[in-house]
Amino acid sequence: MDIEIIHDEEDLRFYAVIAGDEAELTYTYPESGVMDFDHTFVPEDARGNGHADKLVKTGLEYARSQNYLIVPSCPVVGAFIKRHPHYEDLVQPE
């Protein structure tokens, strides 16, 4: 199932409507030029279909396009980056 991911810059989130429910990846800007991806949620009935990965990839691609570094506070984001190491350059050094 292909989903449309929407970037809601006012609400600081990427989201998609899936079967009437919303899946989302939320973030904050803890400092200039840095996005902290802090929470990912996919409705239980929609899990296991790669929706979280699509949200995270969209968020990371946005960060890259804006030359932001990221903080993977959400474990889903951290796990995605481990599986896709070409995004490691976006992670803010500790």
PDB file of N, CA and C in Angstrom:
ATOM      1  N   MET A   1       0.847  -1.182   0.000  1.00  0.00           N
ATOM      2  CA  MET A   1       0.000   0.000   0.000  1.00  0.00           C
ATOM      3  C   MET A   1       0.890   1.241   0.000  1.00  0.00           C
ATOM      4  N   ASP A   2       0.713   2.099  -0.983  1.00  0.00           N
ATOM      5  CA  ASP A   2       1.482   3.329  -1.073  1.00  0.00           C
ATOM      6  C   ASP A   2       0.772   4.412  -0.280  1.00  0.00           C
ATOM      7  N   ILE A   3       1.517   5.128   0.546  1.00  0.00           N
ATOM      8  CA  ILE A   3       0.921   6.177   1.357  1.00  0.00           C
ATOM      9  C   ILE A   3       1.510   7.528   0.968  1.00  0.00           C
ATOM     10  N   GLU A   4       0.711   8.575   1.135  1.00  0.00           N
ATOM     11  CA  GLU A   4       1.186   9.928   0.888  1.00  0.00           C
ATOM     12  C   GLU A   4       1.635  10.517   2.224  1.00  0.00           C
ATOM     13  N   ILE A   5       2.874  10.926   2.274  1.00  0.00           N
ATOM     14  CA  ILE A   5       3.411  11.511   3.497  1.00  0.00           C
ATOM     15  C   ILE A   5       3.382  13.030   3.352  1.00  0.00           C
ATOM     16  N   ILE A   6       2.831  13.669   4.359  1.00  0.00           N
ATOM     17  CA  ILE A   6       2.666  15.115   4.368  1.00  0.00           C
ATOM     18  C   ILE A   6       3.575  15.701   5.441  1.00  0.00           C
ATOM     19  N   HIS A   7       4.268  16.776   5.092  1.00  0.00           N
ATOM     20  CA  HIS A   7       5.112  17.460   6.076  1.00  0.00           C
ATOM     21  C   HIS A   7       4.322  18.643   6.623  1.00  0.00           C
ATOM     22  N   ASP A   8       3.974  18.565   7.887  1.00  0.00           N
ATOM     23  CA  ASP A   8       3.252  19.643   8.569  1.00  0.00           C
ATOM     24  C   ASP A   8       4.285  20.432   9.376  1.00  0.00           C
ATOM     25  N   GLU A   9       4.818  21.479   8.764  1.00  0.00           N
ATOM     26  CA  GLU A   9       5.893  22.245   9.401  1.00  0.00           C
ATOM     27  C   GLU A   9       5.420  23.009  10.630  1.00  0.00           C
ATOM     28  N   GLU A  10       4.150  23.381  10.671  1.00  0.00           N
ATOM     29  CA  GLU A  10       3.614  24.077  11.850  1.00  0.00           C
ATOM     30  C   GLU A  10       3.554  23.164  13.059  1.00  0.00           C
ATOM     31  N   ASP A  11       3.162  21.910  12.827  1.00  0.00           N
ATOM     32  CA  ASP A  11       3.027  20.927  13.909  1.00  0.00           C
ATOM     33  C   ASP A  11       4.305  20.125  14.137  1.00  0.00           C
ATOM     34  N   LEU A  12       5.341  20.399  13.344  1.00  0.00           N
ATOM     35  CA  LEU A  12       6.631  19.709  13.457  1.00  0.00           C
ATOM     36  C   LEU A  12       6.479  18.190  13.350  1.00  0.00           C
ATOM     37  N   ARG A  13       5.899  17.775  12.231  1.00  0.00           N
ATOM     38  CA  ARG A  13       5.728  16.335  12.034  1.00  0.00           C
ATOM     39  C   ARG A  13       5.562  15.996  10.563  1.00  0.00           C
ATOM     40  N   PHE A  14       5.872  14.753  10.256  1.00  0.00           N
ATOM     41  CA  PHE A  14       5.560  14.134   8.973  1.00  0.00           C
ATOM     42  C   PHE A  14       4.455  13.142   9.301  1.00  0.00           C
ATOM     43  N   TYR A  15       3.408  13.112   8.487  1.00  0.00           N
ATOM     44  CA  TYR A  15       2.327  12.180   8.797  1.00  0.00           C
ATOM     45  C   TYR A  15       1.678  11.642   7.522  1.00  0.00           C
ATOM     46  N   ALA A  16       0.932  10.562   7.715  1.00  0.00           N
ATOM     47  CA  ALA A  16       0.168   9.942   6.639  1.00  0.00           C
ATOM     48  C   ALA A  16      -1.132   9.424   7.229  1.00  0.00           C
ATOM     49  N   VAL A  17      -2.191   9.530   6.460  1.00  0.00           N
ATOM     50  CA  VAL A  17      -3.479   8.978   6.878  1.00  0.00           C
ATOM     51  C   VAL A  17      -3.562   7.567   6.305  1.00  0.00           C
ATOM     52  N   ILE A  18      -3.749   6.609   7.208  1.00  0.00           N
ATOM     53  CA  ILE A  18      -3.818   5.196   6.815  1.00  0.00           C
ATOM     54  C   ILE A  18      -5.116   4.630   7.372  1.00  0.00           C
ATOM     55  N   ALA A  19      -6.028   4.281   6.487  1.00  0.00           N
ATOM     56  CA  ALA A  19      -7.322   3.702   6.885  1.00  0.00           C
ATOM     57  C   ALA A  19      -8.013   4.548   7.956  1.00  0.00           C
ATOM     58  N   GLY A  20      -7.982   5.850   7.777  1.00  0.00           N
ATOM     59  CA  GLY A  20      -8.673   6.753   8.695  1.00  0.00           C
ATOM     60  C   GLY A  20      -7.890   7.149   9.937  1.00  0.00           C
ATOM     61  N   ASP A  21      -6.747   6.515  10.170  1.00  0.00           N
ATOM     62  CA  ASP A  21      -5.893   6.855  11.310  1.00  0.00           C
ATOM     63  C   ASP A  21      -4.630   7.553  10.806  1.00  0.00           C
ATOM     64  N   GLU A  22      -3.929   8.205  11.717  1.00  0.00           N
ATOM     65  CA  GLU A  22      -2.697   8.887  11.332  1.00  0.00           C
ATOM     66  C   GLU A  22      -1.470   8.167  11.870  1.00  0.00           C
ATOM     67  N   ALA A  23      -0.489   8.023  10.991  1.00  0.00           N
ATOM     68  CA  ALA A  23       0.847   7.583  11.377  1.00  0.00           C
ATOM     69  C   ALA A  23       1.703   8.843  11.343  1.00  0.00           C
ATOM     70  N   GLU A  24       2.682   8.951  12.253  1.00  0.00           N
ATOM     71  CA  GLU A  24       3.459  10.178  12.266  1.00  0.00           C
ATOM     72  C   GLU A  24       4.878   9.981  12.763  1.00  0.00           C
ATOM     73  N   LEU A  25       5.731  10.896  12.336  1.00  0.00           N
ATOM     74  CA  LEU A  25       7.087  11.055  12.838  1.00  0.00           C
ATOM     75  C   LEU A  25       7.178  12.498  13.294  1.00  0.00           C
ATOM     76  N   THR A  26       7.429  12.710  14.586  1.00  0.00           N
ATOM     77  CA  THR A  26       7.481  14.069  15.122  1.00  0.00           C
ATOM     78  C   THR A  26       8.938  14.466  15.374  1.00  0.00           C
ATOM     79  N   TYR A  27       9.149  15.765  15.421  1.00  0.00           N
ATOM     80  CA  TYR A  27      10.499  16.280  15.640  1.00  0.00           C
ATOM     81  C   TYR A  27      10.451  17.636  16.327  1.00  0.00           C
ATOM     82  N   THR A  28      11.612  18.049  16.819  1.00  0.00           N
ATOM     83  CA  THR A  28      11.799  19.391  17.368  1.00  0.00           C
ATOM     84  C   THR A  28      13.090  19.948  16.776  1.00  0.00           C
ATOM     85  N   TYR A  29      13.301  21.225  17.012  1.00  0.00           N
ATOM     86  CA  TYR A  29      14.554  21.873  16.635  1.00  0.00           C
ATOM     87  C   TYR A  29      15.265  22.292  17.927  1.00  0.00           C
ATOM     88  N   PRO A  30      16.097  21.410  18.515  1.00  0.00           N
ATOM     89  CA  PRO A  30      16.741  21.753  19.786  1.00  0.00           C
ATOM     90  C   PRO A  30      17.779  22.875  19.648  1.00  0.00           C
ATOM     91  N   GLU A  31      18.300  23.035  18.447  1.00  0.00           N
ATOM     92  CA  GLU A  31      19.229  24.122  18.167  1.00  0.00           C
ATOM     93  C   GLU A  31      19.204  24.386  16.662  1.00  0.00           C
ATOM     94  N   SER A  32      19.772  25.502  16.278  1.00  0.00           N
ATOM     95  CA  SER A  32      19.768  25.874  14.867  1.00  0.00           C
ATOM     96  C   SER A  32      20.467  24.809  14.017  1.00  0.00           C
ATOM     97  N   GLY A  33      19.815  24.405  12.926  1.00  0.00           N
ATOM     98  CA  GLY A  33      20.410  23.439  12.009  1.00  0.00           C
ATOM     99  C   GLY A  33      20.343  21.995  12.463  1.00  0.00           C
ATOM    100  N   VAL A  34      19.538  21.717  13.496  1.00  0.00           N
ATOM    101  CA  VAL A  34      19.437  20.351  14.021  1.00  0.00           C
ATOM    102  C   VAL A  34      17.969  19.974  14.202  1.00  0.00           C
ATOM    103  N   MET A  35      17.613  18.796  13.713  1.00  0.00           N
ATOM    104  CA  MET A  35      16.276  18.231  13.927  1.00  0.00           C
ATOM    105  C   MET A  35      16.408  17.029  14.852  1.00  0.00           C
ATOM    106  N   ASP A  36      15.600  16.995  15.889  1.00  0.00           N
ATOM    107  CA  ASP A  36      15.566  15.854  16.803  1.00  0.00           C
ATOM    108  C   ASP A  36      14.306  15.060  16.494  1.00  0.00           C
ATOM    109  N   PHE A  37      14.488  13.907  15.858  1.00  0.00           N
ATOM    110  CA  PHE A  37      13.352  13.025  15.570  1.00  0.00           C
ATOM    111  C   PHE A  37      13.049  12.251  16.845  1.00  0.00           C
ATOM    112  N   ASP A  38      11.922  12.605  17.488  1.00  0.00           N
ATOM    113  CA  ASP A  38      11.687  12.117  18.846  1.00  0.00           C
ATOM    114  C   ASP A  38      10.581  11.080  19.008  1.00  0.00           C
ATOM    115  N   HIS A  39       9.754  10.869  17.988  1.00  0.00           N
ATOM    116  CA  HIS A  39       8.658   9.915  18.176  1.00  0.00           C
ATOM    117  C   HIS A  39       8.123   9.454  16.820  1.00  0.00           C
ATOM    118  N   THR A  40       7.900   8.157  16.715  1.00  0.00           N
ATOM    119  CA  THR A  40       7.263   7.570  15.535  1.00  0.00           C
ATOM    120  C   THR A  40       6.077   6.754  16.011  1.00  0.00           C
ATOM    121  N   PHE A  41       4.950   6.911  15.318  1.00  0.00           N
ATOM    122  CA  PHE A  41       3.761   6.136  15.664  1.00  0.00           C
ATOM    123  C   PHE A  41       3.081   5.666  14.385  1.00  0.00           C
ATOM    124  N   VAL A  42       2.727   4.391  14.366  1.00  0.00           N
ATOM    125  CA  VAL A  42       1.918   3.805  13.300  1.00  0.00           C
ATOM    126  C   VAL A  42       0.773   3.070  13.986  1.00  0.00           C
ATOM    127  N   PRO A  43      -0.475   3.310  13.560  1.00  0.00           N
ATOM    128  CA  PRO A  43      -1.605   2.600  14.171  1.00  0.00           C
ATOM    129  C   PRO A  43      -1.385   1.081  14.131  1.00  0.00           C
ATOM    130  N   GLU A  44      -1.817   0.427  15.176  1.00  0.00           N
ATOM    131  CA  GLU A  44      -1.566  -1.010  15.325  1.00  0.00           C
ATOM    132  C   GLU A  44      -1.991  -1.821  14.098  1.00  0.00           C
ATOM    133  N   ASP A  45      -3.154  -1.520  13.542  1.00  0.00           N
ATOM    134  CA  ASP A  45      -3.659  -2.276  12.385  1.00  0.00           C
ATOM    135  C   ASP A  45      -2.810  -2.085  11.137  1.00  0.00           C
ATOM    136  N   ALA A  46      -1.988  -1.035  11.098  1.00  0.00           N
ATOM    137  CA  ALA A  46      -1.193  -0.736   9.907  1.00  0.00           C
ATOM    138  C   ALA A  46       0.280  -1.112  10.073  1.00  0.00           C
ATOM    139  N   ARG A  47       0.643  -1.667  11.203  1.00  0.00           N
ATOM    140  CA  ARG A  47       2.044  -2.008  11.454  1.00  0.00           C
ATOM    141  C   ARG A  47       2.491  -3.199  10.627  1.00  0.00           C
ATOM    142  N   GLY A  48       3.796  -3.256  10.379  1.00  0.00           N
ATOM    143  CA  GLY A  48       4.371  -4.363   9.626  1.00  0.00           C
ATOM    144  C   GLY A  48       4.310  -4.175   8.120  1.00  0.00           C
ATOM    145  N   ASN A  49       3.941  -2.990   7.677  1.00  0.00           N
ATOM    146  CA  ASN A  49       3.831  -2.722   6.239  1.00  0.00           C
ATOM    147  C   ASN A  49       4.862  -1.717   5.746  1.00  0.00           C
ATOM    148  N   GLY A  50       5.835  -1.371   6.576  1.00  0.00           N
ATOM    149  CA  GLY A  50       6.895  -0.458   6.162  1.00  0.00           C
ATOM    150  C   GLY A  50       6.543   1.022   6.263  1.00  0.00           C
ATOM    151  N   HIS A  51       5.416   1.336   6.881  1.00  0.00           N
ATOM    152  CA  HIS A  51       5.004   2.738   6.973  1.00  0.00           C
ATOM    153  C   HIS A  51       5.959   3.567   7.827  1.00  0.00           C
ATOM    154  N   ALA A  52       6.431   3.010   8.923  1.00  0.00           N
ATOM    155  CA  ALA A  52       7.376   3.744   9.778  1.00  0.00           C
ATOM    156  C   ALA A  52       8.655   4.049   9.004  1.00  0.00           C
ATOM    157  N   ASP A  53       9.140   3.074   8.242  1.00  0.00           N
ATOM    158  CA  ASP A  53      10.341   3.295   7.433  1.00  0.00           C
ATOM    159  C   ASP A  53      10.126   4.419   6.426  1.00  0.00           C
ATOM    160  N   LYS A  54       8.953   4.461   5.811  1.00  0.00           N
ATOM    161  CA  LYS A  54       8.666   5.522   4.832  1.00  0.00           C
ATOM    162  C   LYS A  54       8.636   6.894   5.502  1.00  0.00           C
ATOM    163  N   LEU A  55       8.063   6.968   6.691  1.00  0.00           N
ATOM    164  CA  LEU A  55       8.050   8.228   7.421  1.00  0.00           C
ATOM    165  C   LEU A  55       9.469   8.670   7.771  1.00  0.00           C
ATOM    166  N   VAL A  56      10.264   7.736   8.296  1.00  0.00           N
ATOM    167  CA  VAL A  56      11.635   8.065   8.697  1.00  0.00           C
ATOM    168  C   VAL A  56      12.460   8.472   7.477  1.00  0.00           C
ATOM    169  N   LYS A  57      12.356   7.731   6.405  1.00  0.00           N
ATOM    170  CA  LYS A  57      13.117   8.067   5.196  1.00  0.00           C
ATOM    171  C   LYS A  57      12.744   9.470   4.706  1.00  0.00           C
ATOM    172  N   THR A  58      11.467   9.788   4.712  1.00  0.00           N
ATOM    173  CA  THR A  58      11.023  11.116   4.279  1.00  0.00           C
ATOM    174  C   THR A  58      11.613  12.193   5.183  1.00  0.00           C
ATOM    175  N   GLY A  59      11.589  11.966   6.495  1.00  0.00           N
ATOM    176  CA  GLY A  59      12.165  12.920   7.431  1.00  0.00           C
ATOM    177  C   GLY A  59      13.662  13.103   7.225  1.00  0.00           C
ATOM    178  N   LEU A  60      14.376  12.006   7.026  1.00  0.00           N
ATOM    179  CA  LEU A  60      15.818  12.084   6.819  1.00  0.00           C
ATOM    180  C   LEU A  60      16.157  12.768   5.501  1.00  0.00           C
ATOM    181  N   GLU A  61      15.395  12.472   4.474  1.00  0.00           N
ATOM    182  CA  GLU A  61      15.632  13.127   3.183  1.00  0.00           C
ATOM    183  C   GLU A  61      15.358  14.630   3.277  1.00  0.00           C
ATOM    184  N   TYR A  62      14.356  15.008   4.046  1.00  0.00           N
ATOM    185  CA  TYR A  62      14.089  16.428   4.253  1.00  0.00           C
ATOM    186  C   TYR A  62      15.270  17.074   4.985  1.00  0.00           C
ATOM    187  N   ALA A  63      15.738  16.434   6.052  1.00  0.00           N
ATOM    188  CA  ALA A  63      16.879  16.967   6.805  1.00  0.00           C
ATOM    189  C   ALA A  63      18.088  17.144   5.885  1.00  0.00           C
ATOM    190  N   ARG A  64      18.345  16.145   5.051  1.00  0.00           N
ATOM    191  CA  ARG A  64      19.482  16.231   4.122  1.00  0.00           C
ATOM    192  C   ARG A  64      19.290  17.401   3.154  1.00  0.00           C
ATOM    193  N   SER A  65      18.098  17.566   2.627  1.00  0.00           N
ATOM    194  CA  SER A  65      17.846  18.626   1.641  1.00  0.00           C
ATOM    195  C   SER A  65      18.001  20.019   2.248  1.00  0.00           C
ATOM    196  N   GLN A  66      17.821  20.120   3.569  1.00  0.00           N
ATOM    197  CA  GLN A  66      17.931  21.407   4.253  1.00  0.00           C
ATOM    198  C   GLN A  66      19.301  21.590   4.934  1.00  0.00           C
ATOM    199  N   ASN A  67      20.183  20.618   4.741  1.00  0.00           N
ATOM    200  CA  ASN A  67      21.511  20.625   5.368  1.00  0.00           C
ATOM    201  C   ASN A  67      21.450  20.634   6.897  1.00  0.00           C
ATOM    202  N   TYR A  68      20.460  19.920   7.453  1.00  0.00           N
ATOM    203  CA  TYR A  68      20.338  19.773   8.897  1.00  0.00           C
ATOM    204  C   TYR A  68      21.068  18.521   9.350  1.00  0.00           C
ATOM    205  N   LEU A  69      21.559  18.563  10.574  1.00  0.00           N
ATOM    206  CA  LEU A  69      21.980  17.355  11.260  1.00  0.00           C
ATOM    207  C   LEU A  69      20.760  16.843  12.011  1.00  0.00           C
ATOM    208  N   ILE A  70      20.800  15.591  12.421  1.00  0.00           N
ATOM    209  CA  ILE A  70      19.651  15.036  13.140  1.00  0.00           C
ATOM    210  C   ILE A  70      20.110  14.361  14.432  1.00  0.00           C
ATOM    211  N   VAL A  71      19.169  14.288  15.365  1.00  0.00           N
ATOM    212  CA  VAL A  71      19.340  13.527  16.597  1.00  0.00           C
ATOM    213  C   VAL A  71      18.279  12.425  16.545  1.00  0.00           C
ATOM    214  N   PRO A  72      18.698  11.151  16.531  1.00  0.00           N
ATOM    215  CA  PRO A  72      17.735  10.052  16.462  1.00  0.00           C
ATOM    216  C   PRO A  72      17.240   9.631  17.850  1.00  0.00           C
ATOM    217  N   SER A  73      16.515  10.521  18.524  1.00  0.00           N
ATOM    218  CA  SER A  73      16.010  10.195  19.867  1.00  0.00           C
ATOM    219  C   SER A  73      15.026   9.036  19.848  1.00  0.00           C
ATOM    220  N   CYS A  74      14.262   8.918  18.784  1.00  0.00           N
ATOM    221  CA  CYS A  74      13.312   7.811  18.645  1.00  0.00           C
ATOM    222  C   CYS A  74      14.072   6.545  18.242  1.00  0.00           C
ATOM    223  N   PRO A  75      13.870   5.447  18.957  1.00  0.00           N
ATOM    224  CA  PRO A  75      14.560   4.198  18.621  1.00  0.00           C
ATOM    225  C   PRO A  75      14.268   3.696  17.201  1.00  0.00           C
ATOM    226  N   VAL A  76      13.091   3.998  16.684  1.00  0.00           N
ATOM    227  CA  VAL A  76      12.752   3.584  15.315  1.00  0.00           C
ATOM    228  C   VAL A  76      13.682   4.271  14.317  1.00  0.00           C
ATOM    229  N   VAL A  77      13.961   5.544  14.554  1.00  0.00           N
ATOM    230  CA  VAL A  77      14.858   6.296  13.672  1.00  0.00           C
ATOM    231  C   VAL A  77      16.279   5.742  13.787  1.00  0.00           C
ATOM    232  N   GLY A  78      16.727   5.494  15.001  1.00  0.00           N
ATOM    233  CA  GLY A  78      18.058   4.928  15.190  1.00  0.00           C
ATOM    234  C   GLY A  78      18.222   3.578  14.509  1.00  0.00           C
ATOM    235  N   ALA A  79      17.214   2.726  14.626  1.00  0.00           N
ATOM    236  CA  ALA A  79      17.265   1.404  13.988  1.00  0.00           C
ATOM    237  C   ALA A  79      17.279   1.536  12.466  1.00  0.00           C
ATOM    238  N   PHE A  80      16.503   2.483  11.930  1.00  0.00           N
ATOM    239  CA  PHE A  80      16.481   2.706  10.484  1.00  0.00           C
ATOM    240  C   PHE A  80      17.870   3.108   9.993  1.00  0.00           C
ATOM    241  N   ILE A  81      18.520   4.004  10.718  1.00  0.00           N
ATOM    242  CA  ILE A  81      19.852   4.470  10.308  1.00  0.00           C
ATOM    243  C   ILE A  81      20.865   3.331  10.380  1.00  0.00           C
ATOM    244  N   LYS A  82      20.748   2.450  11.361  1.00  0.00           N
ATOM    245  CA  LYS A  82      21.647   1.293  11.429  1.00  0.00           C
ATOM    246  C   LYS A  82      21.464   0.380  10.222  1.00  0.00           C
ATOM    247  N   ARG A  83      20.228   0.251   9.751  1.00  0.00           N
ATOM    248  CA  ARG A  83      19.959  -0.586   8.572  1.00  0.00           C
ATOM    249  C   ARG A  83      20.308   0.130   7.259  1.00  0.00           C
ATOM    250  N   HIS A  84      20.399   1.455   7.309  1.00  0.00           N
ATOM    251  CA  HIS A  84      20.692   2.266   6.118  1.00  0.00           C
ATOM    252  C   HIS A  84      21.825   3.233   6.464  1.00  0.00           C
ATOM    253  N   PRO A  85      23.055   2.717   6.541  1.00  0.00           N
ATOM    254  CA  PRO A  85      24.176   3.518   7.031  1.00  0.00           C
ATOM    255  C   PRO A  85      24.516   4.750   6.185  1.00  0.00           C
ATOM    256  N   HIS A  86      23.964   4.858   4.991  1.00  0.00           N
ATOM    257  CA  HIS A  86      24.240   6.060   4.190  1.00  0.00           C
ATOM    258  C   HIS A  86      23.586   7.313   4.785  1.00  0.00           C
ATOM    259  N   TYR A  87      22.794   7.142   5.849  1.00  0.00           N
ATOM    260  CA  TYR A  87      22.229   8.294   6.557  1.00  0.00           C
ATOM    261  C   TYR A  87      23.047   8.673   7.804  1.00  0.00           C
ATOM    262  N   GLU A  88      24.077   7.888   8.132  1.00  0.00           N
ATOM    263  CA  GLU A  88      24.856   8.147   9.346  1.00  0.00           C
ATOM    264  C   GLU A  88      25.515   9.525   9.341  1.00  0.00           C
ATOM    265  N   ASP A  89      25.806  10.048   8.153  1.00  0.00           N
ATOM    266  CA  ASP A  89      26.453  11.365   8.075  1.00  0.00           C
ATOM    267  C   ASP A  89      25.544  12.481   8.571  1.00  0.00           C
ATOM    268  N   LEU A  90      24.241  12.215   8.684  1.00  0.00           N
ATOM    269  CA  LEU A  90      23.295  13.218   9.173  1.00  0.00           C
ATOM    270  C   LEU A  90      23.271  13.299  10.697  1.00  0.00           C
ATOM    271  N   VAL A  91      23.731  12.268  11.366  1.00  0.00           N
ATOM    272  CA  VAL A  91      23.623  12.197  12.834  1.00  0.00           C
ATOM    273  C   VAL A  91      24.599  13.188  13.472  1.00  0.00           C
ATOM    274  N   GLN A  92      24.056  14.024  14.340  1.00  0.00           N
ATOM    275  CA  GLN A  92      24.874  15.013  15.042  1.00  0.00           C
ATOM    276  C   GLN A  92      25.865  14.295  15.962  1.00  0.00           C
ATOM    277  N   PRO A  93      27.142  14.637  15.879  1.00  0.00           N
ATOM    278  CA  PRO A  93      28.116  14.017  16.792  1.00  0.00           C
ATOM    279  C   PRO A  93      27.776  14.341  18.236  1.00  0.00           C
ATOM    280  N   GLU A  94      28.038  13.393  19.121  1.00  0.00           N
ATOM    281  CA  GLU A  94      27.708  13.612  20.547  1.00  0.00           C
ATOM    282  C   GLU A  94      28.761  14.455  21.235  1.00  0.00           C
TER     283      GLU A  94
END
